[in-house]
């Protein structure tokens, strides 16, 4: 079992590398929600949270969204400090787009399997092997990889970006092969794919989902394009995190099997309280593999501490900032 599959109780969690994260210096009498609200006011801070965060974090965030929405929100806010309840590459993105603002992340170990599976030196060699290819890179990557890329995309913007390119333009897509394969089928483009996957989306059990569909014959299967191709072939609807949320709200269906990180179900239930949402089951019975272990490293305690201590803070070298801002801005310009 992977080290991230076991999460201890809220007051003490097993963190990155098996190290315990203690909260002994937090006064147990404190109301953490009230303290976070107070600190936001005193620091002129904004709290951004991804849909995959625990529900208690989503409920106190100023803005909730997917990667593209939160990137835009980070630019629109007038706050001096951005507190990012998400994973490391998301906080880096906020810093790249807001170089003069302080960007804090509750847990520096909140990484991403896609980002760690695409090291910048290896990606640089991959690009050099294919100099005639334009690099469209999924936002789930490090700032260093963004700096080596031509255009950044999100799952909600990728198809629109690809369709704006000349039909004869060769495309190198990284780091998610499942999303890349899905986009190649949707756009009809010949794309060279980096062979990375998301540890959450590749673990859904096709067999168990087929069984669920027999138990819930009226339920629609909705899936994120990071899922394996065989599961996407069975899906009634495929879309980004925000697109899945919108679809469940607007669809006349009342039951959904949700094949993406289960944190999004909290917003689905809030937006459509009369509907039923069933989390897509992972292959292993004994794990919470449909929960992203990196996203779940963030807690109310860690948000409070990072704001109180103004750390951990995201810091990116100037040359990396310049290159990554160029590729991110191309995405934002092409998706206005």
Protein backbone atom coordinates (compact mmCIF):
# COMPACT_ATOMS: atom_id res chain seq x y z
CA UNK A 1 0.00 0.00 0.00
CA UNK A 2 1.30 3.45 -0.92
CA UNK A 3 2.28 5.73 1.94
CA UNK A 4 -0.43 8.24 0.99
CA UNK A 5 -3.31 5.80 1.25
CA UNK A 6 -3.56 6.04 5.04
CA UNK A 7 -4.71 9.29 6.59
CA UNK A 8 -4.69 9.67 10.36
CA UNK A 9 -7.33 11.74 12.21
CA UNK A 10 -7.63 15.46 11.61
CA UNK A 11 -5.50 16.56 14.52
CA UNK A 12 -2.53 14.51 13.38
CA UNK A 13 -2.02 13.25 9.86
CA UNK A 14 0.53 11.08 8.16
CA UNK A 15 2.24 13.42 5.75
CA UNK A 16 4.68 13.15 2.87
CA UNK A 17 7.38 10.52 3.48
CA UNK A 18 5.52 9.12 6.49
CA UNK A 19 6.40 12.08 8.76
CA UNK A 20 3.81 13.13 11.29
CA UNK A 21 2.38 16.62 11.06
CA UNK A 22 1.58 17.83 14.56
CA UNK A 23 -0.58 20.73 15.66
CA UNK A 24 0.55 20.93 19.28
CA UNK A 25 1.13 24.68 19.06
CA UNK A 26 -2.49 25.38 18.12
CA UNK A 27 -4.63 26.39 21.07
CA UNK A 28 -7.37 23.71 21.14
CA UNK A 29 -9.89 26.34 22.25
CA UNK A 30 -9.57 28.21 18.96
CA UNK A 31 -12.35 28.11 16.40
CA UNK A 32 -10.20 27.53 13.32
CA UNK A 33 -12.81 28.81 10.89
CA UNK A 34 -13.14 32.08 12.82
CA UNK A 35 -9.35 32.39 13.03
CA UNK A 36 -8.90 31.85 9.30
CA UNK A 37 -11.58 34.46 8.56
CA UNK A 38 -9.87 36.88 10.95
CA UNK A 39 -6.46 36.30 9.37
CA UNK A 40 -7.86 36.77 5.88
CA UNK A 41 -9.19 40.16 6.93
CA UNK A 42 -6.01 41.25 8.72
CA UNK A 43 -3.67 40.04 5.96
CA UNK A 44 -5.86 41.15 3.07
CA UNK A 45 -5.71 37.53 1.92
CA UNK A 46 -7.88 35.43 -0.37
CA UNK A 47 -8.35 31.67 0.03
CA UNK A 48 -8.60 29.70 -3.20
CA UNK A 49 -9.64 26.05 -3.06
CA UNK A 50 -9.79 23.35 -5.71
CA UNK A 51 -12.91 21.20 -6.07
CA UNK A 52 -10.93 18.22 -4.77
CA UNK A 53 -10.36 19.69 -1.32
CA UNK A 54 -12.20 18.39 1.74
CA UNK A 55 -15.70 19.84 2.06
CA UNK A 56 -14.81 21.84 5.19
CA UNK A 57 -12.12 23.68 3.21
CA UNK A 58 -14.40 24.27 0.23
CA UNK A 59 -16.99 25.80 2.56
CA UNK A 60 -14.66 28.51 3.87
CA UNK A 61 -12.91 29.33 0.57
CA UNK A 62 -13.47 32.66 -1.14
CA UNK A 63 -13.35 30.97 -4.53
CA UNK A 64 -13.71 27.32 -5.54
CA UNK A 65 -12.87 26.05 -9.00
CA UNK A 66 -10.81 23.93 -11.33
CA UNK A 67 -7.32 24.85 -12.49
CA UNK A 68 -8.40 27.33 -15.19
CA UNK A 69 -10.99 29.07 -13.01
CA UNK A 70 -8.56 29.44 -10.11
CA UNK A 71 -5.80 30.74 -12.39
CA UNK A 72 -8.16 33.47 -13.55
CA UNK A 73 -9.40 34.18 -10.02
CA UNK A 74 -5.86 34.62 -8.77
CA UNK A 75 -5.38 37.44 -11.27
CA UNK A 76 -8.72 39.10 -10.58
CA UNK A 77 -8.41 39.34 -6.81
CA UNK A 78 -7.20 42.53 -5.19
CA UNK A 79 -5.80 40.64 -2.20
CA UNK A 80 -2.17 41.08 -1.18
CA UNK A 81 -1.81 37.44 -0.14
CA UNK A 82 -3.07 34.34 -1.97
CA UNK A 83 -3.58 31.21 0.13
CA UNK A 84 -3.92 28.23 -2.20
CA UNK A 85 -5.65 25.14 -0.87
CA UNK A 86 -4.71 22.82 -3.68
CA UNK A 87 -1.52 21.17 -4.83
CA UNK A 88 1.93 22.60 -5.48
CA UNK A 89 1.67 23.23 -9.22
CA UNK A 90 -1.54 25.23 -8.66
CA UNK A 91 0.09 27.48 -6.09
CA UNK A 92 3.06 27.90 -8.45
CA UNK A 93 0.65 28.93 -11.21
CA UNK A 94 -0.84 31.59 -8.94
CA UNK A 95 2.65 32.91 -8.18
CA UNK A 96 3.64 32.95 -11.85
CA UNK A 97 0.57 35.02 -12.71
CA UNK A 98 0.96 37.24 -9.63
CA UNK A 99 4.72 37.70 -9.11
CA UNK A 100 4.36 40.64 -6.72
CA UNK A 101 1.94 38.91 -4.38
CA UNK A 102 2.77 36.50 -1.61
CA UNK A 103 1.45 33.01 -2.35
CA UNK A 104 1.12 30.53 0.53
CA UNK A 105 0.38 26.81 0.41
CA UNK A 106 -0.75 24.89 3.52
CA UNK A 107 1.49 21.87 2.84
CA UNK A 108 4.52 22.04 0.54
CA UNK A 109 4.34 18.24 0.14
CA UNK A 110 0.97 18.50 -1.65
CA UNK A 111 2.30 17.41 -5.01
CA UNK A 112 0.88 15.73 -8.10
CA UNK A 113 1.72 12.40 -9.72
CA UNK A 114 1.53 13.97 -13.18
CA UNK A 115 3.94 16.75 -12.25
CA UNK A 116 6.43 14.44 -10.50
CA UNK A 117 6.24 12.00 -13.42
CA UNK A 118 7.48 14.67 -15.84
CA UNK A 119 10.85 15.95 -14.57
CA UNK A 120 12.06 19.08 -16.34
CA UNK A 121 15.44 17.63 -17.51
CA UNK A 122 13.72 14.63 -19.11
CA UNK A 123 11.04 16.81 -20.66
CA UNK A 124 13.72 19.11 -22.09
CA UNK A 125 15.42 16.12 -23.77
CA UNK A 126 12.06 14.92 -25.07
CA UNK A 127 11.41 18.31 -26.66
CA UNK A 128 14.89 18.43 -28.18
CA UNK A 129 14.24 15.06 -29.83
CA UNK A 130 11.19 16.54 -31.59
CA UNK A 131 12.09 20.14 -32.54
CA UNK A 132 9.33 20.35 -35.16
CA UNK A 133 6.59 19.75 -32.58
CA UNK A 134 4.70 22.50 -30.72
CA UNK A 135 4.48 21.67 -27.04
CA UNK A 136 1.03 21.89 -25.49
CA UNK A 137 1.43 21.01 -21.83
CA UNK A 138 -1.27 20.22 -19.32
CA UNK A 139 -1.24 22.63 -16.39
CA UNK A 140 -0.55 19.68 -14.03
CA UNK A 141 3.21 20.16 -14.30
CA UNK A 142 6.01 22.02 -12.55
CA UNK A 143 6.92 25.65 -13.21
CA UNK A 144 10.16 24.42 -14.82
CA UNK A 145 8.21 22.30 -17.33
CA UNK A 146 5.84 25.20 -18.02
CA UNK A 147 8.90 27.32 -18.84
CA UNK A 148 9.97 24.71 -21.41
CA UNK A 149 6.52 24.60 -23.03
CA UNK A 150 4.92 26.65 -25.81
CA UNK A 151 1.34 26.69 -24.54
CA UNK A 152 -0.21 25.52 -21.27
CA UNK A 153 -3.73 24.07 -21.25
CA UNK A 154 -6.29 22.74 -18.80
CA UNK A 155 -8.73 19.91 -19.42
CA UNK A 156 -11.43 22.52 -20.00
CA UNK A 157 -9.40 24.58 -22.49
CA UNK A 158 -7.23 22.03 -24.33
CA UNK A 159 -9.59 21.22 -27.20
CA UNK A 160 -10.26 24.89 -27.91
CA UNK A 161 -6.52 25.63 -27.98
CA UNK A 162 -5.68 22.71 -30.27
CA UNK A 163 -8.42 23.68 -32.72
CA UNK A 164 -6.85 27.14 -33.11
CA UNK A 165 -3.58 25.68 -34.40
CA UNK A 166 -2.83 25.02 -38.09
CA UNK A 167 -3.95 21.53 -39.13
CA UNK A 168 -0.44 20.56 -40.20
CA UNK A 169 1.19 21.65 -36.91
CA UNK A 170 2.79 18.69 -35.13
CA UNK A 171 1.86 18.57 -31.45
CA UNK A 172 3.70 17.20 -28.46
CA UNK A 173 1.35 16.74 -25.51
CA UNK A 174 2.44 16.17 -21.92
CA UNK A 175 2.22 14.89 -19.26
CA UNK A 176 -1.12 12.99 -19.21
CA UNK A 177 -1.39 10.30 -21.91
CA UNK A 178 -5.08 9.62 -21.23
CA UNK A 179 -6.07 13.25 -21.69
CA UNK A 180 -3.77 13.45 -24.73
CA UNK A 181 -5.32 10.34 -26.30
CA UNK A 182 -8.81 11.69 -25.66
CA UNK A 183 -7.92 15.03 -27.28
CA UNK A 184 -6.37 13.32 -30.29
CA UNK A 185 -9.63 11.42 -30.84
CA UNK A 186 -11.74 14.56 -30.36
CA UNK A 187 -9.69 16.80 -32.65
CA UNK A 188 -8.43 14.26 -35.18
CA UNK A 189 -4.88 15.47 -34.63
CA UNK A 190 -1.76 13.32 -34.65
CA UNK A 191 -0.21 13.96 -31.23
CA UNK A 192 2.99 12.70 -29.68
CA UNK A 193 2.20 11.84 -26.04
CA UNK A 194 4.28 11.86 -22.87
CA UNK A 195 3.43 8.66 -20.98
CA UNK A 196 2.21 10.06 -17.66
CA UNK A 197 -0.98 9.28 -15.73
CA UNK A 198 -2.93 10.54 -12.70
CA UNK A 199 -2.83 8.11 -9.77
CA UNK A 200 -6.50 8.82 -9.02
CA UNK A 201 -8.03 8.65 -12.49
CA UNK A 202 -6.17 5.53 -13.60
CA UNK A 203 -7.40 3.52 -10.59
CA UNK A 204 -11.13 3.42 -11.35
CA UNK A 205 -12.33 -0.14 -11.83
CA UNK A 206 -14.15 -0.65 -15.11
CA UNK A 207 -15.59 -3.94 -13.83
CA UNK A 208 -16.99 -2.34 -10.68
CA UNK A 209 -18.44 0.57 -12.65
CA UNK A 210 -20.22 -1.91 -14.95
CA UNK A 211 -21.66 -3.55 -11.82
CA UNK A 212 -22.75 -0.14 -10.51
CA UNK A 213 -24.54 0.58 -13.78
CA UNK A 214 -26.54 -2.63 -13.34
CA UNK A 215 -27.45 -1.58 -9.78
CA UNK A 216 -28.33 1.95 -10.89
CA UNK A 217 -29.72 1.49 -14.42
CA UNK A 218 -30.89 5.11 -14.66
CA UNK A 219 -27.57 6.61 -13.55
CA UNK A 220 -25.37 8.40 -16.05
CA UNK A 221 -21.65 7.68 -15.98
CA UNK A 222 -19.67 10.92 -16.10
CA UNK A 223 -15.89 10.90 -16.34
CA UNK A 224 -12.88 13.17 -16.41
CA UNK A 225 -10.72 12.75 -19.56
CA UNK A 226 -7.76 11.74 -17.38
CA UNK A 227 -9.48 8.35 -16.95
CA UNK A 228 -8.38 5.28 -18.91
CA UNK A 229 -9.69 5.00 -22.48
CA UNK A 230 -11.74 1.85 -21.79
CA UNK A 231 -13.70 3.70 -19.08
CA UNK A 232 -14.16 6.80 -21.25
CA UNK A 233 -15.67 4.58 -23.95
CA UNK A 234 -18.43 3.67 -21.47
CA UNK A 235 -19.08 7.21 -20.26
CA UNK A 236 -22.29 9.10 -21.02
CA UNK A 237 -20.47 12.40 -20.60
CA UNK A 238 -16.78 13.34 -20.50
CA UNK A 239 -15.59 16.71 -19.28
CA UNK A 240 -13.34 18.78 -17.04
CA UNK A 241 -14.12 19.09 -13.36
CA UNK A 242 -16.16 22.26 -13.83
CA UNK A 243 -17.86 20.82 -16.93
CA UNK A 244 -18.93 17.73 -14.96
CA UNK A 245 -20.38 19.96 -12.24
CA UNK A 246 -22.32 22.01 -14.78
CA UNK A 247 -23.57 18.91 -16.58
CA UNK A 248 -24.98 17.31 -13.44
CA UNK A 249 -26.83 20.50 -12.58
CA UNK A 250 -28.33 21.01 -16.04
CA UNK A 251 -29.07 17.37 -16.89
CA UNK A 252 -32.62 16.08 -16.29
CA UNK A 253 -31.05 12.86 -14.94
CA UNK A 254 -31.20 12.41 -11.17
CA UNK A 255 -28.48 9.78 -10.63
CA UNK A 256 -24.81 9.97 -11.60
CA UNK A 257 -21.79 7.71 -11.24
CA UNK A 258 -18.86 10.13 -10.88
CA UNK A 259 -15.49 8.96 -12.24
CA UNK A 260 -13.23 11.69 -10.96
CA UNK A 261 -11.82 12.73 -7.58
CA UNK A 262 -14.66 12.41 -5.09
CA UNK A 263 -14.19 15.91 -3.62
CA UNK A 264 -16.28 17.37 -6.45
CA UNK A 265 -19.36 15.52 -5.16
CA UNK A 266 -19.67 18.05 -2.32
CA UNK A 267 -20.32 20.85 -4.83
CA UNK A 268 -22.58 18.63 -6.93
CA UNK A 269 -24.74 17.89 -3.90
CA UNK A 270 -24.88 21.59 -2.95
CA UNK A 271 -25.82 22.64 -6.48
CA UNK A 272 -28.33 19.81 -7.05
CA UNK A 273 -29.58 18.67 -3.61
CA UNK A 274 -32.31 16.45 -5.01
CA UNK A 275 -29.95 14.30 -7.06
CA UNK A 276 -27.88 11.22 -6.19
CA UNK A 277 -24.12 11.05 -6.80
CA UNK A 278 -22.19 7.80 -6.55
CA UNK A 279 -18.40 7.96 -6.36
CA UNK A 280 -16.68 5.82 -8.98
CA UNK A 281 -15.13 2.81 -7.22
CA UNK A 282 -11.37 2.13 -7.28
CA UNK A 283 -9.91 -1.26 -8.13
CA UNK A 284 -8.74 -1.99 -4.58
CA UNK A 285 -11.42 -2.50 -1.92
CA UNK A 286 -9.10 -1.44 0.91
CA UNK A 287 -8.03 1.98 -0.36
CA UNK A 288 -9.50 5.44 -0.78
CA UNK A 289 -7.94 5.67 -4.23
CA UNK A 290 -10.72 7.87 -5.62
CA UNK A 291 -9.46 10.54 -3.20
CA UNK A 292 -6.30 12.40 -4.21
CA UNK A 293 -3.85 11.84 -1.33
CA UNK A 294 -1.98 15.03 -2.19
CA UNK A 295 -5.11 17.20 -2.16
CA UNK A 296 -6.11 15.69 1.16
CA UNK A 297 -2.83 16.77 2.80
CA UNK A 298 -4.39 20.20 3.24
CA UNK A 299 -6.38 20.70 6.45
CA UNK A 300 -7.96 23.58 8.35
CA UNK A 301 -5.08 23.36 10.84
CA UNK A 302 -2.47 23.73 8.12
CA UNK A 303 -4.35 26.61 6.48
CA UNK A 304 -4.44 28.40 9.82
CA UNK A 305 -0.74 27.77 10.50
CA UNK A 306 0.42 28.83 7.04
CA UNK A 307 -1.50 32.08 7.38
CA UNK A 308 -0.34 32.71 10.93
CA UNK A 309 3.30 31.97 10.05
CA UNK A 310 3.13 33.26 6.46
CA UNK A 311 4.80 30.02 5.40
CA UNK A 312 5.29 27.82 3.43
CA UNK A 313 5.63 30.40 0.70
CA UNK A 314 5.99 29.72 -3.03
CA UNK A 315 9.23 31.07 -4.49
CA UNK A 316 10.20 30.59 -8.15
CA UNK A 317 13.49 31.63 -9.84
CA UNK A 318 13.20 34.67 -12.12
CA UNK A 319 14.14 32.84 -15.33
CA UNK A 320 11.58 30.11 -14.68
CA UNK A 321 8.96 32.74 -13.86
CA UNK A 322 9.53 34.48 -17.19
CA UNK A 323 9.30 31.35 -19.33
CA UNK A 324 6.34 29.85 -17.52
CA UNK A 325 4.42 33.14 -17.57
CA UNK A 326 4.81 33.25 -21.35
CA UNK A 327 3.25 29.80 -21.86
CA UNK A 328 0.49 30.44 -19.31
CA UNK A 329 -0.42 33.78 -20.87
CA UNK A 330 -0.75 32.09 -24.25
CA UNK A 331 -3.36 29.80 -22.72
CA UNK A 332 -5.24 32.70 -21.17
CA UNK A 333 -5.14 34.67 -24.43
CA UNK A 334 -6.42 31.71 -26.48
CA UNK A 335 -9.31 31.05 -24.06
CA UNK A 336 -10.72 34.55 -23.59
